[in-house]
Protein backbone atom coordinates (compact mmCIF):
# COMPACT_ATOMS: atom_id res chain seq x y z
CA MET A 1 -153.52 52.33 -20.50
CA ARG A 2 -152.13 50.02 -17.82
CA THR A 3 -149.76 48.28 -20.21
CA GLY A 4 -148.62 51.62 -21.62
CA LEU A 5 -147.77 52.76 -18.09
CA GLY A 6 -145.73 49.60 -17.57
CA TYR A 7 -143.73 50.14 -20.75
CA ALA A 8 -143.19 53.81 -19.82
CA ILE A 9 -141.81 52.89 -16.38
CA LEU A 10 -139.46 50.30 -17.85
CA LEU A 11 -138.32 52.56 -20.69
CA ILE A 12 -137.51 55.48 -18.40
CA THR A 13 -135.67 53.41 -15.82
CA VAL A 14 -133.70 51.45 -18.43
CA LEU A 15 -132.61 54.67 -20.13
CA ILE A 16 -131.42 56.02 -16.78
CA ALA A 17 -129.70 52.70 -16.13
CA LEU A 18 -127.80 52.76 -19.43
CA VAL A 19 -126.84 56.43 -19.17
CA ARG A 20 -126.16 56.74 -15.43
CA ASN A 21 -126.33 53.59 -13.31
CA PRO A 22 -127.70 50.08 -14.02
CA ARG A 23 -129.35 49.66 -10.63
CA PHE A 24 -132.08 52.12 -11.63
CA ALA A 25 -133.56 49.45 -13.88
CA VAL A 26 -134.03 47.28 -10.78
CA PHE A 27 -136.13 50.03 -9.22
CA GLY A 28 -138.31 50.18 -12.32
CA MET A 29 -138.89 46.42 -12.26
CA VAL A 30 -139.77 46.51 -8.58
CA ALA A 31 -142.27 49.29 -9.29
CA CYS A 32 -143.79 47.35 -12.19
CA ASP A 33 -144.11 44.27 -10.01
CA THR A 34 -145.99 46.16 -7.28
CA ILE A 35 -148.20 48.32 -9.50
CA ARG A 36 -148.57 45.51 -12.08
CA PRO A 37 -149.41 47.83 -14.99
CA GLY A 38 -148.94 45.07 -17.54
CA ASP A 39 -151.54 42.75 -16.02
CA GLU A 40 -155.20 42.72 -16.95
CA PHE A 41 -155.91 42.04 -13.30
CA ILE A 42 -155.90 38.24 -12.86
CA GLU A 43 -156.28 37.36 -16.54
CA PHE A 44 -153.30 36.17 -18.54
CA GLY A 45 -154.01 38.06 -21.73
CA MET A 46 -151.77 38.79 -24.72
CA GLU A 47 -150.84 42.23 -23.38
CA THR A 48 -149.44 40.58 -20.28
CA VAL A 49 -147.50 38.07 -22.36
CA ARG A 50 -145.86 40.82 -24.40
CA PHE A 51 -145.08 42.81 -21.27
CA SER A 52 -143.49 39.76 -19.62
CA ILE A 53 -141.34 39.08 -22.69
CA THR A 54 -140.10 42.67 -22.54
CA TYR A 55 -139.53 42.26 -18.82
CA TYR A 56 -137.38 39.18 -19.38
CA ALA A 57 -135.40 40.76 -22.20
CA VAL A 58 -134.54 43.81 -20.12
CA ALA A 59 -133.53 41.74 -17.07
CA LEU A 60 -131.35 39.31 -19.02
CA GLY A 61 -129.81 42.13 -21.05
CA LEU A 62 -128.79 43.97 -17.89
CA LEU A 63 -127.24 40.87 -16.37
CA VAL A 64 -125.26 40.14 -19.56
CA ILE A 65 -124.09 43.74 -20.13
CA PHE A 66 -123.09 44.58 -16.56
CA TYR A 67 -122.16 41.16 -15.17
CA LYS A 68 -118.40 41.81 -15.11
CA LYS A 69 -118.91 45.00 -13.10
CA TYR A 70 -121.61 43.66 -10.79
CA ARG A 71 -120.88 40.06 -9.93
CA LEU A 72 -123.27 37.77 -8.10
CA THR A 73 -122.25 36.15 -4.84
CA SER A 74 -123.36 32.61 -4.10
CA ASP A 75 -125.05 31.83 -0.80
CA ARG A 76 -127.65 29.58 0.81
CA PHE A 77 -130.53 31.53 -0.77
CA HIS A 78 -129.41 31.51 -4.40
CA TRP A 79 -129.34 27.76 -4.81
CA ALA A 80 -132.58 27.20 -2.90
CA ILE A 81 -134.45 29.73 -5.07
CA LEU A 82 -133.06 28.15 -8.22
CA LEU A 83 -134.15 24.71 -6.98
CA LEU A 84 -137.61 26.07 -6.21
CA PHE A 85 -137.91 27.36 -9.77
CA MET A 86 -136.75 23.98 -11.13
CA SER A 87 -139.35 22.29 -8.90
CA VAL A 88 -142.03 24.51 -10.44
CA VAL A 89 -140.95 23.60 -13.97
CA ASN A 90 -140.76 19.91 -13.12
CA SER A 91 -144.20 19.89 -11.50
CA VAL A 92 -145.67 21.63 -14.55
CA LEU A 93 -144.20 18.93 -16.80
CA HIS A 94 -146.06 16.32 -14.70
CA ALA A 95 -149.28 18.37 -14.53
CA PRO A 96 -152.51 17.30 -16.25
CA CYS A 97 -152.93 20.80 -17.76
CA PHE A 98 -149.97 22.80 -19.08
CA GLY A 99 -151.71 26.15 -19.64
CA PRO A 100 -152.17 27.19 -15.97
CA GLY A 101 -148.66 25.94 -15.26
CA LEU A 102 -147.26 28.37 -17.81
CA VAL A 103 -148.63 31.24 -15.71
CA GLN A 104 -146.74 29.97 -12.66
CA ILE A 105 -143.53 29.56 -14.64
CA ASP A 106 -143.98 33.17 -15.71
CA ASN A 107 -144.45 34.30 -12.09
CA TYR A 108 -141.51 32.36 -10.67
CA TYR A 109 -139.20 33.36 -13.52
CA LYS A 110 -139.83 37.06 -12.90
CA MET A 111 -139.25 36.45 -9.21
CA LEU A 112 -135.98 34.67 -9.98
CA LEU A 113 -134.71 37.49 -12.20
CA GLN A 114 -135.60 40.20 -9.73
CA TYR A 115 -133.81 38.34 -6.96
CA TYR A 116 -130.63 38.02 -9.01
CA LEU A 117 -130.78 41.64 -10.17
CA ILE A 118 -131.08 42.92 -6.59
CA CYS A 119 -128.18 40.72 -5.48
CA ALA A 120 -126.06 41.81 -8.45
CA PHE A 121 -126.65 45.57 -8.37
CA MET A 122 -127.21 46.49 -4.70
CA ARG A 123 -123.63 46.98 -3.56
CA ASN A 124 -123.91 48.92 -0.29
CA ASP A 125 -126.34 50.32 2.29
CA ALA A 126 -127.04 53.43 0.23
CA HIS A 127 -128.17 51.31 -2.71
CA LEU A 128 -130.43 49.26 -0.48
CA ARG A 129 -131.92 52.44 0.94
CA GLU A 130 -132.82 53.49 -2.61
CA LEU A 131 -134.43 50.07 -3.09
CA TYR A 132 -136.52 50.58 0.07
CA TRP A 133 -137.76 53.88 -1.32
CA ALA A 134 -138.63 52.23 -4.66
CA ILE A 135 -140.61 49.46 -2.94
CA SER A 136 -142.37 51.87 -0.61
CA THR A 137 -143.21 54.41 -3.31
CA ALA A 138 -144.77 51.76 -5.54
CA SER A 139 -146.92 50.50 -2.65
CA VAL A 140 -147.96 54.05 -1.77
CA VAL A 141 -149.13 54.59 -5.37
CA VAL A 142 -151.47 51.60 -5.07
CA ALA A 143 -152.63 52.75 -1.61
CA LEU A 144 -153.39 56.28 -2.84
CA ARG A 145 -155.39 54.83 -5.72
CA PHE A 146 -157.42 52.76 -3.27
CA VAL A 147 -157.98 55.65 -0.86
CA TRP A 148 -158.96 58.00 -3.71
CA GLY A 149 -161.48 55.51 -5.04
CA LYS A 150 -162.85 54.64 -1.61
CA PHE A 151 -163.34 58.11 -0.14
CA HIS A 152 -163.70 60.34 -3.20
CA LEU A 153 -165.36 58.15 -5.83
CA ASN A 154 -167.23 55.84 -3.40
CA GLU A 155 -165.68 52.97 -5.31
CA THR A 156 -165.87 49.46 -3.92
CA ARG A 157 -164.51 47.34 -6.77
CA PHE A 158 -160.84 48.39 -6.81
CA GLU A 159 -158.86 45.65 -5.08
CA GLY A 160 -155.29 46.41 -6.00
CA ALA A 161 -153.11 45.64 -8.97
CA THR A 162 -154.15 41.98 -9.21
CA GLY A 163 -157.80 42.29 -8.23
CA ASP A 164 -157.30 40.61 -4.85
CA ARG A 165 -157.93 42.79 -1.80
CA ASN A 166 -156.19 40.32 0.52
CA GLU A 167 -153.01 40.41 -1.54
CA MET A 168 -153.21 44.21 -1.67
CA ALA A 169 -153.53 44.39 2.13
CA MET A 170 -150.62 41.99 2.55
CA THR A 171 -148.38 44.19 0.39
CA MET A 172 -149.28 47.25 2.45
CA VAL A 173 -148.54 45.41 5.72
CA MET A 174 -145.12 44.32 4.45
CA THR A 175 -144.29 47.86 3.29
CA VAL A 176 -145.10 49.64 6.59
CA PRO A 177 -141.82 48.60 8.35
CA PHE A 178 -139.68 49.94 5.51
CA LEU A 179 -141.38 53.33 5.46
CA PHE A 180 -141.21 53.53 9.23
CA MET A 181 -137.48 52.78 9.33
CA LEU A 182 -136.78 55.11 6.43
CA GLY A 183 -138.33 57.89 8.49
CA LEU A 184 -136.58 56.85 11.69
CA THR A 185 -133.12 56.83 10.08
CA ALA A 186 -133.59 59.88 7.82
CA LYS A 187 -131.14 62.69 8.54
CA ARG A 188 -133.42 65.44 7.26
CA LEU A 189 -136.64 66.33 9.01
CA TYR A 190 -138.74 66.70 5.84
CA LEU A 191 -137.74 63.21 4.68
CA ARG A 192 -138.67 61.80 8.08
CA LEU A 193 -142.08 63.42 8.04
CA PHE A 194 -142.57 62.47 4.38
CA ALA A 195 -141.91 58.77 5.08
CA TRP A 196 -144.09 58.63 8.19
CA PHE A 197 -146.95 60.48 6.54
CA TRP A 198 -147.27 57.85 3.79
CA ILE A 199 -147.85 55.14 6.38
CA LEU A 200 -151.37 56.56 6.80
CA PRO A 201 -152.71 55.57 3.33
CA LEU A 202 -151.10 52.14 3.74
CA ALA A 203 -152.90 51.59 7.05
CA LEU A 204 -156.21 52.88 5.64
CA THR A 205 -155.89 50.51 2.70
CA VAL A 206 -155.38 47.55 5.02
CA LEU A 207 -158.34 48.44 7.22
CA PHE A 208 -160.86 49.37 4.51
CA SER A 209 -159.92 46.43 2.32
CA LEU A 210 -161.69 44.44 5.07
CA SER A 211 -159.00 41.78 4.90
CA ARG A 212 -158.98 40.00 8.25
CA GLY A 213 -155.51 38.61 7.62
CA GLY A 214 -154.31 42.10 6.76
CA MET A 215 -155.74 43.50 10.01
CA LEU A 216 -154.01 40.80 12.06
CA GLY A 217 -150.78 41.33 10.14
CA LEU A 218 -150.84 45.10 10.67
CA GLY A 219 -151.31 44.66 14.40
CA ALA A 220 -148.54 42.07 14.63
CA VAL A 221 -146.07 44.15 12.62
CA GLY A 222 -146.83 47.29 14.65
CA GLY A 223 -146.47 45.41 17.92
CA TYR A 224 -143.16 43.89 16.87
CA LEU A 225 -141.73 47.27 15.85
CA LEU A 226 -142.71 48.82 19.19
CA TYR A 227 -141.24 45.85 21.07
CA ARG A 228 -137.91 46.02 19.23
CA LEU A 229 -137.66 49.81 19.55
CA HIS A 230 -138.55 50.01 23.23
CA HIS A 231 -135.28 51.88 23.82
CA LYS A 232 -136.98 54.85 22.16
CA ARG A 233 -139.54 55.57 24.86
CA TRP A 234 -141.14 58.47 23.03
CA LEU A 235 -141.89 56.12 20.15
CA VAL A 236 -143.61 53.58 22.40
CA VAL A 237 -145.77 56.31 23.95
CA VAL A 238 -146.75 57.73 20.56
CA GLY A 239 -147.43 54.25 19.15
CA VAL A 240 -149.70 53.26 22.04
CA MET A 241 -151.61 56.54 21.85
CA VAL A 242 -152.11 56.28 18.10
CA ALA A 243 -153.29 52.67 18.46
CA LEU A 244 -155.80 53.57 21.19
CA VAL A 245 -157.17 56.56 19.28
CA GLY A 246 -157.37 54.53 16.08
CA LEU A 247 -159.19 51.63 17.71
CA ALA A 248 -161.67 53.99 19.36
CA ASN A 249 -162.55 55.59 16.03
CA LEU A 250 -162.68 52.59 13.72
CA PRO A 251 -165.75 52.63 11.46
CA THR A 252 -168.44 50.03 11.99
CA GLU A 253 -167.71 48.11 8.79
CA VAL A 254 -164.11 47.51 9.90
CA THR A 255 -164.92 46.47 13.47
CA ALA A 256 -167.74 44.20 12.30
CA ARG A 257 -165.38 42.46 9.89
CA PHE A 258 -162.65 42.09 12.50
CA MET A 259 -165.01 40.64 15.10
CA THR A 260 -165.90 37.75 12.79
CA ILE A 261 -162.38 36.27 12.99
CA GLY A 262 -163.12 33.99 15.94
CA ARG A 263 -166.25 32.38 14.48
CA ALA A 264 -165.31 32.51 10.80
CA SER A 265 -164.50 28.81 10.56
CA LYS A 266 -168.12 27.95 11.44
CA THR A 267 -170.17 30.77 9.96
CA ASP A 268 -168.18 32.34 7.11
CA ALA A 269 -168.56 30.65 3.71
CA SER A 270 -165.09 31.74 2.64
CA ALA A 271 -163.46 30.27 5.74
CA ILE A 272 -165.41 27.00 5.39
CA GLY A 273 -164.35 26.83 1.76
CA ARG A 274 -160.71 27.25 2.77
CA LEU A 275 -160.94 24.27 5.11
CA ASN A 276 -162.38 22.26 2.24
CA ALA A 277 -159.53 23.40 -0.04
CA TRP A 278 -156.93 22.46 2.57
CA GLY A 279 -158.42 18.98 2.73
CA ALA A 280 -158.14 18.74 -1.05
CA ALA A 281 -154.47 19.78 -0.86
CA ARG A 282 -153.72 17.05 1.67
CA ASN A 283 -155.38 14.44 -0.53
CA MET A 284 -153.42 15.64 -3.57
CA ALA A 285 -150.16 15.31 -1.64
CA LYS A 286 -151.07 11.77 -0.61
CA ASP A 287 -151.53 10.72 -4.24
CA HIS A 288 -148.61 12.76 -5.60
CA PRO A 289 -146.16 13.24 -2.71
CA PHE A 290 -143.11 14.32 -4.74
CA TRP A 291 -144.37 16.71 -7.45
CA GLY A 292 -147.99 17.32 -6.50
CA MET A 293 -150.68 18.05 -9.08
CA GLY A 294 -148.46 20.58 -10.85
CA SER A 295 -148.07 24.33 -10.39
CA GLY A 296 -151.21 26.21 -11.39
CA ASN A 297 -153.27 23.01 -11.45
CA PHE A 298 -154.83 23.17 -8.00
CA LEU A 299 -158.35 23.69 -9.38
CA VAL A 300 -158.01 21.35 -12.38
CA ARG A 301 -158.66 18.20 -10.31
CA PHE A 302 -160.11 19.92 -7.26
CA LYS A 303 -163.45 18.08 -7.28
CA GLN A 304 -161.68 14.75 -7.40
CA TYR A 305 -159.82 15.37 -4.13
CA ALA A 306 -161.97 17.78 -2.12
CA PRO A 307 -164.08 16.49 0.82
CA ASP A 308 -166.95 18.61 -0.57
CA PRO A 309 -166.57 18.62 -4.38
CA ALA A 310 -169.32 21.22 -4.83
CA ASP A 311 -167.56 23.85 -2.71
CA VAL A 312 -164.74 24.91 -5.05
CA HIS A 313 -162.16 27.33 -3.60
CA VAL A 314 -158.54 28.21 -4.19
CA ALA A 315 -156.16 27.10 -1.44
CA HIS A 316 -155.99 30.47 0.36
CA SER A 317 -152.79 29.30 2.03
CA SER A 318 -149.22 29.33 0.75
CA PHE A 319 -148.50 26.15 2.71
CA TYR A 320 -151.40 24.13 1.31
CA GLN A 321 -151.08 25.61 -2.17
CA LEU A 322 -147.51 24.32 -2.42
CA LEU A 323 -148.42 21.03 -0.76
CA GLY A 324 -151.13 20.35 -3.34
CA GLU A 325 -149.35 21.72 -6.42
CA GLN A 326 -145.68 20.85 -5.84
CA GLY A 327 -145.82 18.14 -3.20
CA PHE A 328 -143.39 17.79 -0.33
CA VAL A 329 -140.34 18.71 -2.45
CA GLY A 330 -141.50 22.21 -3.39
CA LEU A 331 -143.03 22.76 0.05
CA GLY A 332 -139.78 21.78 1.77
CA ILE A 333 -137.70 24.20 -0.32
CA TRP A 334 -140.14 27.06 0.33
CA LEU A 335 -140.24 26.36 4.08
CA TYR A 336 -136.44 26.36 4.09
CA LEU A 337 -136.43 29.83 2.48
CA VAL A 338 -139.04 31.15 4.91
CA ALA A 339 -137.15 29.87 7.97
CA MET A 340 -133.72 30.95 6.72
CA CYS A 341 -134.92 34.49 5.98
CA TRP A 342 -135.64 35.03 9.68
CA LEU A 343 -132.63 33.09 10.98
CA VAL A 344 -130.08 34.76 8.69
CA ALA A 345 -131.50 38.25 9.35
CA SER A 346 -131.31 37.57 13.10
CA TRP A 347 -127.76 36.24 12.73
CA CYS A 348 -126.71 39.39 10.82
CA GLU A 349 -128.31 41.57 13.48
CA MET A 350 -126.44 39.79 16.29
CA ARG A 351 -123.14 40.29 14.45
CA MET A 352 -123.92 44.00 14.01
CA GLU A 353 -124.75 44.23 17.70
CA ARG A 354 -121.39 42.67 18.60
CA ILE A 355 -119.48 45.08 16.35
CA HIS A 356 -121.22 48.23 17.58
CA LYS A 357 -121.40 47.25 21.27
CA LYS A 358 -125.22 47.10 21.33
CA GLU A 359 -125.51 50.57 19.77
CA TRP A 360 -128.16 50.98 17.09
CA ASN A 361 -127.19 52.04 13.57
CA GLU A 362 -128.97 52.18 10.22
CA PRO A 363 -128.19 48.60 9.04
CA ARG A 364 -129.54 47.19 12.28
CA TYR A 365 -132.74 49.24 12.02
CA MET A 366 -133.22 47.98 8.47
CA LEU A 367 -132.68 44.38 9.52
CA VAL A 368 -135.48 44.85 12.06
CA ALA A 369 -137.61 46.19 9.18
CA VAL A 370 -136.88 43.03 7.17
CA LYS A 371 -137.91 40.83 10.10
CA ALA A 372 -141.09 42.87 10.70
CA SER A 373 -141.98 42.57 7.01
CA TRP A 374 -141.32 38.83 7.26
CA ILE A 375 -143.85 38.62 10.11
CA GLY A 376 -146.42 40.31 7.88
CA TYR A 377 -145.71 37.87 5.06
CA VAL A 378 -145.94 34.75 7.22
CA LEU A 379 -149.03 35.83 9.15
CA CYS A 380 -150.98 37.10 6.13
CA GLY A 381 -149.63 34.35 3.87
CA ALA A 382 -151.00 31.71 6.20
CA PHE A 383 -154.42 32.54 4.74
CA LEU A 384 -153.36 33.52 1.21
CA SER A 385 -151.72 31.69 -1.68
CA GLN A 386 -148.66 33.93 -1.89
CA GLU A 387 -145.82 31.45 -2.16
CA ASP A 388 -144.79 33.15 -5.43
CA MET A 389 -145.05 36.72 -4.12
CA ASP A 390 -142.10 38.75 -5.42
CA PHE A 391 -142.01 40.94 -2.31
CA PHE A 392 -140.96 37.96 -0.21
CA TYR A 393 -138.08 37.21 -2.57
CA HIS A 394 -137.07 40.86 -2.35
CA LEU A 395 -136.71 40.26 1.40
CA LEU A 396 -134.51 37.25 0.68
CA ALA A 397 -132.33 39.29 -1.68
CA ILE A 398 -131.99 42.09 0.90
CA THR A 399 -131.06 39.57 3.60
CA SER A 400 -128.55 38.00 1.23
CA ARG A 401 -126.95 41.40 0.66
CA TYR A 402 -126.65 41.98 4.40
CA THR A 403 -124.69 38.75 4.82
CA VAL A 404 -122.08 40.29 2.50
CA PHE A 405 -122.21 43.75 4.09
CA VAL A 406 -121.93 42.44 7.64
CA GLY A 407 -118.91 40.38 6.61
CA GLU A 408 -117.30 43.55 5.26
CA TYR A 409 -118.13 45.43 8.48
CA GLU A 410 -116.58 42.67 10.57
CA LYS A 411 -113.42 42.59 8.47
CA LYS A 412 -113.01 46.35 8.82
CA TYR A 413 -113.71 46.18 12.55
CA PHE A 414 -111.16 43.42 13.24
CA ASP A 415 -108.55 45.08 10.99
CA GLU A 416 -108.95 48.30 12.97
CA ARG A 417 -108.62 46.40 16.26
CA ALA A 418 -105.49 44.63 15.01
CA ALA A 419 -103.96 47.93 13.87
CA LEU A 420 -104.79 49.48 17.24
CA ARG A 421 -103.09 46.64 19.11
CA VAL A 422 -99.97 46.99 16.93
CA GLY A 423 -99.90 50.73 17.61
CA GLU A 424 -100.21 50.17 21.35
CA ARG A 425 -97.32 47.71 21.33
CA MET A 426 -95.12 50.18 19.43
CA THR A 427 -95.75 52.95 21.98
CA GLU A 428 -95.33 50.80 25.09
CA PRO A 429 -92.16 51.47 27.17
CA ALA A 430 -89.43 48.82 27.21
CA PRO A 431 -89.73 46.19 29.93
CA ILE A 432 -87.94 47.00 33.20
CA GLY A 433 -85.45 44.15 32.74
CA GLU A 434 -84.25 45.48 29.40
CA ARG A 435 -83.86 49.00 30.78
CA LEU A 436 -81.62 47.81 33.65
CA THR A 437 -79.22 45.93 31.36
CA GLN A 438 -78.67 48.92 29.04
CA PRO A 439 -75.88 51.42 29.87
CA LEU A 440 -76.95 54.89 30.95
CA LEU A 441 -74.86 56.72 28.38
CA GLY A 442 -75.57 54.42 25.47
CA PRO A 443 -73.15 52.01 23.81
CA GLY A 444 -69.65 52.27 25.20
């Protein structure tokens, strides 16, 4: 059923892409990545292998067919992402076990293709807006499934497309800024209300998933949005009121889970296990500083490096996962991408502010959404192994597109200023000295 849904999404979007516009296939792949219909949760079964092969074939076919029309631009992100993928492949070749490494190659390859497809086919702000809707809609589908199971079926086992409630909560946190900005910049009232209404199931999913990282991330993202949009006073008032009412009516299971954050490192078995896993990652990096133990091989030699060999846990941290599996090389490339995402988005926003004289427009709102989503990724990812999360590389692709768009805006702006100066010079009266030397009745 799940795999059939994945093939149906890809087939429909590819047909639309071939008949109408190739970028629609990108939306289908983004939806498949979020809903993950081809995965048997966290197992790498044959159905998933066949789905991935189809995924690759479609992506490569689109790039080959439409490359002349939609050309890639090279920037600081493209080469770093390619180097990160090469680091993954190299670390797998040095790994003690190739099988788990193949899963990571699969994950990073899909990430790489999606990044290039977004950069190739998103040509303007309108296309990016369609991409935001595709990302948000896919996340809302997962959130509605969770809410339906939680409140209607009394289900407690559904934990998102990959079977990890923390990853599910992280996806919802990263999606909230896009839906919020889509509503804020919508020109039609029904679209605005539609976008803002779907934030509710996302927030409920984060809270009732009982993910402490997700709760912290949701609060940080909401606070950042209110801080950046303080010029809209009505929004700040509504946001504060909603937060106060929500906090006052949180169910006991949510508040009890949230209150354990401060003492989790001493009393929570999961938190203690994470500290043990982080120690194992540091020891792996000491023995294999350049390539680590190999992507996907964190648990293969875990007992050999862990301070407590009996307490086996995954890394639960993107930083330590990369440190243990890919060493300082892979970790350095990933940290570069994380830092540059924020810095480049901020740089693009400052250029937009200079062009529009501090006035807010849609591209600037969307850049704030990218930065808010980045905060959710970094904060939640500090306690999750999500260094290969496709959503983060979507943020990089969107930021990469804005570097091109902002350059086009600046060129248009300076061309208009130059034309205006030329026009002003042509309409200026002749200097007084020239007028005095010319005869009153014209040439004699």
